Amino acid sequence: MATLDPPFGVLQQGKAHSLQISMLGWHTIGSCTITANSAYSFAANGNYNALGKSGTFNIVLTFTDQDPNAPSGPCTVTNAGQTLNGTYSRNGTSISFSDGTHDVIASPDPGGVSLSIAGYPKGRIVT
């Protein structure tokens, strides 16, 4: 079933959520507000301060095929005004997003939604 839930269904639209990274335990590095959360589109904006870097972000994930029965298909990921076209793939309760260069895996986490990006500390959005 190719919808964004799970894992994104646990995050409440309009609510502020903490952002955390895992470095010898979980550490809060910022917050975000969920601005859209439907079967095919998720959006959040917020701020972070970690590892000497701080800033704001606005991310949008969209399944462009809007096919609840597809195990994979086309998607877009927008961040900082840049939209990347790619593919998504559902594996159980996890979803992988890839543009051929960058890969992000979103999975359910006891605290909310975990996000894994190769070469970076694991992060999560806490409910």
Protein backbone atom coordinates (compact mmCIF):
# COMPACT_ATOMS: atom_id res chain seq x y z
CA MET A 1 0.00 0.00 0.00
CA ALA A 2 1.65 3.21 -1.14
CA THR A 3 0.49 6.02 1.06
CA LEU A 4 2.56 8.07 3.48
CA ASP A 5 0.94 6.32 6.46
CA PRO A 6 2.77 4.60 7.98
CA PRO A 7 5.03 6.20 9.09
CA PHE A 8 3.88 9.85 8.75
CA GLY A 9 0.32 9.32 10.02
CA VAL A 10 1.42 9.66 13.68
CA LEU A 11 2.41 13.31 13.12
CA GLN A 12 -0.39 15.80 13.70
CA GLN A 13 -1.00 18.58 11.21
CA GLY A 14 -0.82 22.03 12.81
CA LYS A 15 1.14 20.77 15.82
CA ALA A 16 4.74 21.65 16.66
CA HIS A 17 7.04 18.63 16.91
CA SER A 18 10.60 18.34 18.21
CA LEU A 19 13.47 17.41 15.90
CA GLN A 20 16.15 15.14 17.31
CA ILE A 21 19.41 13.55 16.16
CA SER A 22 21.09 10.47 17.52
CA MET A 23 24.64 11.04 18.70
CA LEU A 24 25.33 8.99 21.83
CA GLY A 25 21.63 9.26 22.62
CA TRP A 26 18.82 11.45 21.27
CA HIS A 27 19.31 15.24 21.40
CA THR A 28 16.72 17.90 20.53
CA ILE A 29 18.06 20.21 17.82
CA GLY A 30 14.97 22.16 16.78
CA SER A 31 11.29 21.98 16.01
CA CYS A 32 8.91 21.84 13.09
CA THR A 33 5.24 22.36 12.40
CA ILE A 34 3.40 19.91 10.17
CA THR A 35 1.58 21.98 7.54
CA ALA A 36 0.15 19.10 5.45
CA ASN A 37 -0.28 15.41 6.16
CA SER A 38 -2.45 13.38 3.81
CA ALA A 39 -2.22 10.01 2.08
CA TYR A 40 0.03 11.41 -0.67
CA SER A 41 1.56 14.64 0.63
CA PHE A 42 3.50 15.62 3.75
CA ALA A 43 4.88 19.08 4.50
CA ALA A 44 6.71 20.57 7.46
CA ASN A 45 8.63 23.74 8.19
CA GLY A 46 10.85 24.53 11.11
CA ASN A 47 14.29 25.36 12.42
CA TYR A 48 17.37 23.51 13.61
CA ASN A 49 20.67 24.16 15.39
CA ALA A 50 23.09 21.22 15.33
CA LEU A 51 26.75 20.48 14.74
CA GLY A 52 27.58 24.16 14.30
CA LYS A 53 24.89 24.70 11.68
CA SER A 54 21.58 26.45 12.14
CA GLY A 55 18.79 27.45 9.83
CA THR A 56 15.25 26.95 8.70
CA PHE A 57 13.69 24.44 6.36
CA ASN A 58 10.47 23.79 4.49
CA ILE A 59 10.14 20.25 3.16
CA VAL A 60 7.38 18.72 1.04
CA LEU A 61 7.13 15.02 0.11
CA THR A 62 4.59 14.07 -2.56
CA PHE A 63 3.65 10.74 -4.15
CA THR A 64 2.82 12.04 -7.62
CA ASP A 65 1.12 8.83 -8.83
CA GLN A 66 -1.40 8.88 -5.94
CA ASP A 67 -1.86 5.11 -6.30
CA PRO A 68 -2.65 3.45 -2.94
CA ASN A 69 -1.90 -0.01 -4.39
CA ALA A 70 1.52 0.72 -5.91
CA PRO A 71 4.58 -0.63 -4.04
CA SER A 72 6.72 2.06 -5.73
CA GLY A 73 6.33 5.01 -8.04
CA PRO A 74 7.26 8.59 -8.82
CA CYS A 75 7.60 11.26 -6.15
CA THR A 76 8.92 14.75 -5.58
CA VAL A 77 10.88 16.06 -2.62
CA THR A 78 11.02 19.84 -2.19
CA ASN A 79 13.37 21.55 0.25
CA ALA A 80 14.66 25.13 0.32
CA GLY A 81 12.75 25.91 -2.87
CA GLN A 82 14.44 23.11 -4.85
CA THR A 83 12.29 20.25 -6.12
CA LEU A 84 13.87 16.90 -6.92
CA ASN A 85 12.02 14.29 -8.96
CA GLY A 86 12.59 10.75 -7.85
CA THR A 87 11.00 7.50 -6.83
CA TYR A 88 9.55 6.10 -3.65
CA SER A 89 9.50 2.48 -2.57
CA ARG A 90 7.46 0.98 0.24
CA ASN A 91 9.09 -1.78 2.32
CA GLY A 92 6.68 -2.84 5.07
CA THR A 93 6.10 0.22 7.26
CA SER A 94 9.13 2.11 5.86
CA ILE A 95 9.34 4.30 2.77
CA SER A 96 12.50 5.05 0.77
CA PHE A 97 12.78 8.21 -1.31
CA SER A 98 15.53 8.48 -3.94
CA ASP A 99 16.49 10.89 -6.70
CA GLY A 100 19.32 8.63 -7.86
CA THR A 101 21.90 10.59 -5.85
CA HIS A 102 20.26 11.12 -2.46
CA ASP A 103 18.33 8.52 -0.46
CA VAL A 104 16.12 9.09 2.58
CA ILE A 105 14.42 6.28 4.51
CA ALA A 106 11.44 7.17 6.72
CA SER A 107 10.39 4.57 9.31
CA PRO A 108 8.12 4.35 12.34
CA ASP A 109 9.92 5.13 15.59
CA PRO A 110 8.63 4.77 19.15
CA GLY A 111 9.04 8.55 19.44
CA GLY A 112 7.52 9.43 16.06
CA VAL A 113 9.16 9.07 12.62
CA SER A 114 12.84 8.24 12.11
CA LEU A 115 14.74 9.60 9.09
CA SER A 116 17.93 7.98 7.84
CA ILE A 117 20.21 9.64 5.29
CA ALA A 118 23.52 8.01 4.35
CA GLY A 119 26.48 9.83 5.86
CA TYR A 120 24.45 11.74 8.47
CA PRO A 121 23.36 11.01 12.04
CA LYS A 122 19.95 9.40 12.30
CA GLY A 123 17.19 11.92 12.93
CA ARG A 124 13.59 11.80 14.02
CA ILE A 125 10.47 13.92 14.28
CA VAL A 126 9.02 13.38 17.74
CA THR A 127 5.26 13.20 18.34
